[in-house]
N, C-alpha and C. Protein backbone atom coordinates (compact mmCIF):
# COMPACT_ATOMS: atom_id res chain seq x y z
N MET A 1 13.76 2.99 19.95
CA MET A 1 12.94 3.01 18.75
C MET A 1 13.82 2.62 17.56
N ILE A 2 13.22 1.98 16.62
CA ILE A 2 13.92 1.51 15.42
C ILE A 2 14.13 2.69 14.46
N THR A 3 15.27 2.73 13.80
CA THR A 3 15.54 3.81 12.84
C THR A 3 14.92 3.48 11.49
N ILE A 4 14.80 4.48 10.64
CA ILE A 4 14.23 4.25 9.32
C ILE A 4 15.13 3.32 8.50
N ASP A 5 16.45 3.44 8.68
CA ASP A 5 17.37 2.55 7.96
C ASP A 5 17.18 1.10 8.41
N GLU A 6 17.02 0.90 9.72
CA GLU A 6 16.79 -0.45 10.24
C GLU A 6 15.47 -1.01 9.72
N MET A 7 14.44 -0.15 9.66
CA MET A 7 13.15 -0.61 9.17
C MET A 7 13.22 -0.93 7.67
N ASN A 8 13.98 -0.15 6.92
CA ASN A 8 14.15 -0.42 5.49
C ASN A 8 14.82 -1.78 5.27
N ILE A 9 15.84 -2.07 6.06
CA ILE A 9 16.52 -3.37 5.96
C ILE A 9 15.55 -4.49 6.30
N MET A 10 14.78 -4.30 7.36
CA MET A 10 13.79 -5.29 7.79
C MET A 10 12.76 -5.51 6.68
N LEU A 11 12.28 -4.43 6.07
CA LEU A 11 11.30 -4.52 4.99
C LEU A 11 11.88 -5.27 3.79
N ASP A 12 13.12 -5.00 3.45
CA ASP A 12 13.79 -5.72 2.36
C ASP A 12 13.88 -7.22 2.66
N GLU A 13 14.23 -7.55 3.90
CA GLU A 13 14.34 -8.96 4.30
C GLU A 13 12.98 -9.65 4.20
N ILE A 14 11.94 -8.98 4.65
CA ILE A 14 10.59 -9.55 4.58
C ILE A 14 10.20 -9.78 3.12
N ALA A 15 10.44 -8.79 2.28
CA ALA A 15 10.09 -8.90 0.86
C ALA A 15 10.85 -10.04 0.19
N GLU A 16 12.10 -10.24 0.56
CA GLU A 16 12.90 -11.31 -0.02
C GLU A 16 12.41 -12.69 0.39
N GLU A 17 11.73 -12.79 1.53
CA GLU A 17 11.19 -14.06 2.01
C GLU A 17 9.94 -14.47 1.22
N LEU A 18 9.31 -13.52 0.58
CA LEU A 18 8.08 -13.79 -0.17
C LEU A 18 8.40 -14.24 -1.58
N PRO A 19 7.54 -15.05 -2.19
CA PRO A 19 7.79 -15.47 -3.57
C PRO A 19 7.81 -14.26 -4.51
N ALA A 20 8.73 -14.26 -5.44
CA ALA A 20 8.88 -13.14 -6.38
C ALA A 20 7.59 -12.89 -7.16
N GLU A 21 6.83 -13.95 -7.43
CA GLU A 21 5.60 -13.81 -8.21
C GLU A 21 4.58 -12.89 -7.54
N ILE A 22 4.66 -12.77 -6.23
CA ILE A 22 3.69 -11.96 -5.51
C ILE A 22 3.83 -10.47 -5.86
N PHE A 23 4.98 -10.10 -6.38
CA PHE A 23 5.24 -8.71 -6.75
C PHE A 23 4.96 -8.43 -8.23
N LYS A 24 4.37 -9.41 -8.92
CA LYS A 24 4.05 -9.28 -10.34
C LYS A 24 3.21 -8.02 -10.59
N ASP A 25 3.62 -7.25 -11.58
CA ASP A 25 2.93 -6.02 -12.00
C ASP A 25 2.92 -4.92 -10.94
N LEU A 26 3.69 -5.08 -9.90
CA LEU A 26 3.86 -4.01 -8.92
C LEU A 26 5.06 -3.18 -9.39
N ASN A 27 4.82 -2.44 -10.48
CA ASN A 27 5.93 -1.80 -11.18
C ASN A 27 6.60 -0.68 -10.41
N GLY A 28 5.93 -0.14 -9.39
CA GLY A 28 6.54 0.90 -8.57
C GLY A 28 7.18 0.36 -7.31
N GLY A 29 7.04 -0.94 -7.09
CA GLY A 29 7.67 -1.58 -5.95
C GLY A 29 7.05 -1.20 -4.61
N VAL A 30 7.88 -1.33 -3.58
CA VAL A 30 7.47 -1.06 -2.21
C VAL A 30 8.41 0.00 -1.66
N GLY A 31 7.85 1.05 -1.08
CA GLY A 31 8.66 2.12 -0.52
C GLY A 31 8.29 2.40 0.92
N LEU A 32 9.28 2.88 1.65
CA LEU A 32 9.08 3.27 3.04
C LEU A 32 9.31 4.77 3.13
N LEU A 33 8.26 5.51 3.43
CA LEU A 33 8.37 6.96 3.55
C LEU A 33 8.56 7.36 5.00
N ASP A 34 9.31 8.42 5.22
CA ASP A 34 9.61 8.91 6.55
C ASP A 34 8.40 9.54 7.23
N GLU A 35 7.31 9.70 6.52
CA GLU A 35 6.14 10.45 6.98
C GLU A 35 5.32 9.74 8.06
N THR A 36 4.57 10.57 8.76
CA THR A 36 3.49 10.12 9.63
C THR A 36 2.22 10.52 8.92
N LYS A 37 1.32 9.59 8.70
CA LYS A 37 0.09 9.90 7.99
C LYS A 37 -1.11 9.52 8.85
N ARG A 38 -2.00 10.46 9.00
CA ARG A 38 -3.24 10.22 9.74
C ARG A 38 -4.32 9.75 8.78
N SER A 39 -5.20 8.92 9.26
CA SER A 39 -6.30 8.43 8.44
C SER A 39 -7.26 9.57 8.12
N SER A 40 -7.59 9.73 6.86
CA SER A 40 -8.54 10.77 6.45
C SER A 40 -9.96 10.41 6.85
N LYS A 41 -10.20 9.16 7.21
CA LYS A 41 -11.55 8.71 7.56
C LYS A 41 -11.88 8.92 9.03
N ASP A 42 -10.88 9.28 9.82
CA ASP A 42 -11.10 9.49 11.25
C ASP A 42 -11.28 10.99 11.50
N PRO A 43 -12.49 11.42 11.85
CA PRO A 43 -12.72 12.85 12.05
C PRO A 43 -11.90 13.45 13.19
N ASP A 44 -11.48 12.63 14.12
CA ASP A 44 -10.69 13.12 15.25
C ASP A 44 -9.19 13.11 14.97
N GLY A 45 -8.80 12.49 13.86
CA GLY A 45 -7.38 12.45 13.50
C GLY A 45 -6.52 11.63 14.44
N ARG A 46 -7.13 10.64 15.09
CA ARG A 46 -6.37 9.82 16.05
C ARG A 46 -5.79 8.56 15.42
N LEU A 47 -6.31 8.16 14.27
CA LEU A 47 -5.85 6.92 13.64
C LEU A 47 -4.76 7.19 12.62
N TYR A 48 -3.80 6.29 12.57
CA TYR A 48 -2.69 6.41 11.64
C TYR A 48 -2.88 5.48 10.45
N THR A 49 -2.41 5.91 9.31
CA THR A 49 -2.33 5.05 8.14
C THR A 49 -0.93 4.46 8.14
N LEU A 50 -0.85 3.13 8.21
CA LEU A 50 0.45 2.46 8.27
C LEU A 50 1.00 2.17 6.88
N GLY A 51 0.10 1.92 5.93
CA GLY A 51 0.53 1.61 4.56
C GLY A 51 -0.62 1.81 3.60
N GLU A 52 -0.27 1.91 2.33
CA GLU A 52 -1.28 2.08 1.29
C GLU A 52 -0.84 1.38 0.00
N TYR A 53 -1.81 0.82 -0.68
CA TYR A 53 -1.61 0.34 -2.04
C TYR A 53 -2.09 1.44 -2.95
N ARG A 54 -1.27 1.82 -3.89
CA ARG A 54 -1.63 2.91 -4.80
C ARG A 54 -1.58 2.43 -6.24
N ARG A 55 -2.54 2.95 -6.99
CA ARG A 55 -2.62 2.69 -8.42
C ARG A 55 -2.98 4.01 -9.08
N ASP A 56 -2.00 4.60 -9.77
CA ASP A 56 -2.23 5.89 -10.40
C ASP A 56 -1.34 6.03 -11.64
N GLN A 57 -1.13 7.26 -12.11
CA GLN A 57 -0.32 7.47 -13.31
C GLN A 57 1.12 7.00 -13.14
N MET A 58 1.56 6.84 -11.92
CA MET A 58 2.91 6.33 -11.64
C MET A 58 2.96 4.80 -11.71
N GLY A 59 1.81 4.17 -11.75
CA GLY A 59 1.76 2.71 -11.80
C GLY A 59 1.11 2.13 -10.57
N ARG A 60 1.56 0.93 -10.23
CA ARG A 60 1.06 0.20 -9.05
C ARG A 60 2.21 0.09 -8.06
N TYR A 61 1.96 0.52 -6.83
CA TYR A 61 3.02 0.49 -5.84
C TYR A 61 2.46 0.53 -4.43
N ILE A 62 3.31 0.21 -3.49
CA ILE A 62 2.94 0.18 -2.08
C ILE A 62 3.84 1.15 -1.33
N VAL A 63 3.23 1.93 -0.44
CA VAL A 63 4.01 2.79 0.45
C VAL A 63 3.66 2.43 1.89
N LEU A 64 4.68 2.39 2.71
CA LEU A 64 4.51 2.21 4.15
C LEU A 64 5.05 3.47 4.80
N TYR A 65 4.48 3.83 5.95
CA TYR A 65 4.82 5.08 6.61
C TYR A 65 5.60 4.82 7.90
N TYR A 66 6.89 5.10 7.84
CA TYR A 66 7.77 4.91 8.98
C TYR A 66 7.27 5.68 10.20
N GLY A 67 6.92 6.95 10.02
CA GLY A 67 6.46 7.77 11.14
C GLY A 67 5.21 7.22 11.79
N SER A 68 4.29 6.72 10.98
CA SER A 68 3.06 6.14 11.52
C SER A 68 3.35 4.86 12.29
N LEU A 69 4.20 4.02 11.73
CA LEU A 69 4.56 2.77 12.41
C LEU A 69 5.21 3.06 13.75
N CYS A 70 6.09 4.06 13.80
CA CYS A 70 6.74 4.42 15.06
C CYS A 70 5.75 5.02 16.05
N ALA A 71 4.79 5.80 15.54
CA ALA A 71 3.78 6.40 16.42
C ALA A 71 2.93 5.32 17.08
N VAL A 72 2.64 4.26 16.34
CA VAL A 72 1.79 3.20 16.86
C VAL A 72 2.57 2.22 17.74
N TYR A 73 3.78 1.86 17.31
CA TYR A 73 4.52 0.80 18.01
C TYR A 73 5.65 1.31 18.91
N GLY A 74 5.95 2.59 18.85
CA GLY A 74 6.89 3.22 19.76
C GLY A 74 8.17 2.46 20.02
N ASN A 75 8.39 2.10 21.26
CA ASN A 75 9.61 1.40 21.67
C ASN A 75 9.44 -0.11 21.72
N ALA A 76 8.57 -0.63 20.91
CA ALA A 76 8.34 -2.07 20.87
C ALA A 76 9.62 -2.80 20.45
N PRO A 77 9.76 -4.05 20.85
CA PRO A 77 10.92 -4.84 20.43
C PRO A 77 10.95 -4.99 18.91
N ARG A 78 12.14 -5.20 18.39
CA ARG A 78 12.34 -5.34 16.93
C ARG A 78 11.43 -6.41 16.33
N GLU A 79 11.27 -7.52 17.01
CA GLU A 79 10.45 -8.60 16.46
C GLU A 79 8.99 -8.20 16.33
N ARG A 80 8.53 -7.36 17.24
CA ARG A 80 7.14 -6.88 17.12
C ARG A 80 7.02 -5.97 15.89
N TYR A 81 8.00 -5.10 15.69
CA TYR A 81 8.02 -4.27 14.48
C TYR A 81 8.02 -5.15 13.24
N ARG A 82 8.87 -6.16 13.26
CA ARG A 82 8.98 -7.04 12.09
C ARG A 82 7.65 -7.72 11.79
N LYS A 83 6.98 -8.21 12.82
CA LYS A 83 5.69 -8.87 12.62
C LYS A 83 4.67 -7.91 12.02
N HIS A 84 4.57 -6.72 12.58
CA HIS A 84 3.58 -5.76 12.09
C HIS A 84 3.95 -5.23 10.71
N LEU A 85 5.22 -5.06 10.46
CA LEU A 85 5.67 -4.63 9.13
C LEU A 85 5.28 -5.68 8.09
N LYS A 86 5.47 -6.94 8.43
CA LYS A 86 5.07 -8.02 7.52
C LYS A 86 3.56 -8.05 7.34
N ASP A 87 2.82 -7.85 8.42
CA ASP A 87 1.35 -7.82 8.33
C ASP A 87 0.88 -6.70 7.40
N VAL A 88 1.47 -5.51 7.54
CA VAL A 88 1.06 -4.38 6.71
C VAL A 88 1.42 -4.64 5.26
N LEU A 89 2.62 -5.15 5.02
CA LEU A 89 3.04 -5.43 3.65
C LEU A 89 2.13 -6.48 3.00
N THR A 90 1.83 -7.56 3.69
CA THR A 90 0.97 -8.59 3.09
C THR A 90 -0.45 -8.08 2.90
N HIS A 91 -0.92 -7.22 3.78
CA HIS A 91 -2.24 -6.62 3.62
C HIS A 91 -2.27 -5.79 2.32
N GLU A 92 -1.26 -4.97 2.12
CA GLU A 92 -1.22 -4.13 0.92
C GLU A 92 -0.99 -4.97 -0.34
N LEU A 93 -0.24 -6.03 -0.24
CA LEU A 93 -0.07 -6.93 -1.38
C LEU A 93 -1.39 -7.61 -1.74
N THR A 94 -2.21 -7.88 -0.75
CA THR A 94 -3.53 -8.44 -1.01
C THR A 94 -4.38 -7.44 -1.79
N HIS A 95 -4.31 -6.16 -1.41
CA HIS A 95 -5.00 -5.13 -2.20
C HIS A 95 -4.50 -5.15 -3.65
N HIS A 96 -3.20 -5.29 -3.83
CA HIS A 96 -2.61 -5.32 -5.18
C HIS A 96 -3.19 -6.48 -5.99
N TRP A 97 -3.20 -7.65 -5.41
CA TRP A 97 -3.70 -8.83 -6.15
C TRP A 97 -5.20 -8.72 -6.42
N GLU A 98 -5.93 -8.20 -5.48
CA GLU A 98 -7.36 -8.00 -5.74
C GLU A 98 -7.57 -6.98 -6.85
N SER A 99 -6.77 -5.94 -6.88
CA SER A 99 -6.88 -4.95 -7.95
C SER A 99 -6.61 -5.57 -9.31
N LEU A 100 -5.60 -6.42 -9.37
CA LEU A 100 -5.29 -7.10 -10.63
C LEU A 100 -6.45 -7.99 -11.09
N ALA A 101 -7.16 -8.55 -10.12
CA ALA A 101 -8.28 -9.44 -10.42
C ALA A 101 -9.60 -8.69 -10.59
N GLY A 102 -9.58 -7.38 -10.39
CA GLY A 102 -10.82 -6.61 -10.50
C GLY A 102 -11.73 -6.80 -9.30
N GLU A 103 -11.18 -7.17 -8.18
CA GLU A 103 -11.95 -7.41 -6.95
C GLU A 103 -11.74 -6.28 -5.96
N ARG A 104 -12.65 -6.16 -4.99
CA ARG A 104 -12.55 -5.12 -3.96
C ARG A 104 -12.87 -5.67 -2.57
N ASP A 105 -12.83 -6.97 -2.39
CA ASP A 105 -13.26 -7.57 -1.12
C ASP A 105 -12.53 -6.99 0.09
N LEU A 106 -11.20 -6.90 0.03
CA LEU A 106 -10.44 -6.40 1.17
C LEU A 106 -10.71 -4.90 1.37
N GLU A 107 -10.85 -4.18 0.29
CA GLU A 107 -11.17 -2.75 0.39
C GLU A 107 -12.51 -2.56 1.09
N ILE A 108 -13.49 -3.36 0.72
CA ILE A 108 -14.81 -3.29 1.35
C ILE A 108 -14.72 -3.69 2.82
N LYS A 109 -13.96 -4.75 3.12
CA LYS A 109 -13.78 -5.17 4.51
C LYS A 109 -13.11 -4.06 5.32
N ASP A 110 -12.10 -3.42 4.75
CA ASP A 110 -11.43 -2.32 5.45
C ASP A 110 -12.42 -1.19 5.76
N GLU A 111 -13.26 -0.86 4.79
CA GLU A 111 -14.26 0.20 5.00
C GLU A 111 -15.25 -0.20 6.10
N MET A 112 -15.70 -1.45 6.08
CA MET A 112 -16.64 -1.92 7.10
C MET A 112 -15.98 -1.91 8.48
N ASP A 113 -14.72 -2.35 8.55
CA ASP A 113 -13.99 -2.33 9.82
C ASP A 113 -13.87 -0.91 10.36
N MET A 114 -13.55 0.03 9.47
CA MET A 114 -13.42 1.43 9.88
C MET A 114 -14.77 1.96 10.38
N ASP A 115 -15.83 1.67 9.65
CA ASP A 115 -17.17 2.13 10.07
C ASP A 115 -17.53 1.56 11.44
N ARG A 116 -17.26 0.28 11.65
CA ARG A 116 -17.55 -0.35 12.96
C ARG A 116 -16.73 0.29 14.07
N TYR A 117 -15.45 0.52 13.79
CA TYR A 117 -14.58 1.13 14.79
C TYR A 117 -15.07 2.53 15.17
N LEU A 118 -15.37 3.35 14.16
CA LEU A 118 -15.81 4.72 14.43
C LEU A 118 -17.16 4.74 15.13
N SER A 119 -18.05 3.83 14.74
CA SER A 119 -19.35 3.75 15.38
C SER A 119 -19.20 3.34 16.85
N ARG A 120 -18.36 2.36 17.10
CA ARG A 120 -18.13 1.90 18.47
C ARG A 120 -17.51 3.01 19.32
N ARG A 121 -16.53 3.69 18.74
CA ARG A 121 -15.88 4.78 19.47
C ARG A 121 -16.87 5.90 19.78
N GLN A 122 -17.76 6.18 18.84
CA GLN A 122 -18.77 7.20 19.05
C GLN A 122 -19.75 6.78 20.14
N ARG A 123 -20.17 5.52 20.13
CA ARG A 123 -21.08 5.01 21.17
C ARG A 123 -20.43 5.10 22.54
N LEU A 124 -19.18 4.70 22.63
CA LEU A 124 -18.48 4.73 23.91
C LEU A 124 -18.28 6.16 24.39
N GLY A 125 -18.06 7.07 23.47
CA GLY A 125 -17.87 8.47 23.81
C GLY A 125 -19.14 9.14 24.30
N ARG A 126 -20.30 8.62 23.92
CA ARG A 126 -21.59 9.21 24.30
C ARG A 126 -22.07 8.73 25.66
N ARG A 127 -21.48 7.66 26.14
CA ARG A 127 -21.92 7.15 27.43
C ARG A 127 -21.70 8.21 28.51
N LYS A 128 -22.68 8.28 29.38
CA LYS A 128 -22.57 9.26 30.45
C LYS A 128 -21.59 8.76 31.50
N SER A 129 -20.97 9.69 32.14
CA SER A 129 -20.08 9.35 33.24
C SER A 129 -20.90 8.78 34.39
N PRO A 130 -20.30 7.91 35.18
CA PRO A 130 -21.05 7.41 36.34
C PRO A 130 -21.39 8.56 37.27
N PRO A 131 -22.51 8.45 37.96
CA PRO A 131 -22.91 9.54 38.87
C PRO A 131 -21.84 9.79 39.93
N GLN A 132 -21.63 11.04 40.21
CA GLN A 132 -20.65 11.42 41.24
C GLN A 132 -21.32 11.28 42.62
N GLN A 133 -20.61 10.78 43.57
CA GLN A 133 -21.17 10.61 44.91
C GLN A 133 -20.55 11.61 45.85
């Protein structure tokens, strides 16, 4: 499994590959927290939150959750971690840019995706077991 220090270095490298302009007005920057965070929208607590875009009294910033990433990707190869870390960072940066523009398209899409996932999981959970012979 990748260490938090290794993931921090990887995250810095990914951020450096992106144009500096993409971080405009992200005054709190990007942070990697050691925490594992469960999604508050999942009543069963099985889903992890990998990252969040935040806008509050502290400003605008992105947090990624090391513990959640490790829980989801476990002993995956470094390149798989790197790919998913980049995906999460760019997803949260998209939230940042939409917020600056006064848009909510990705936020709405995320909500719809979550609703579809939970609905599907609920439907699958209600299916009866095959008859025992």
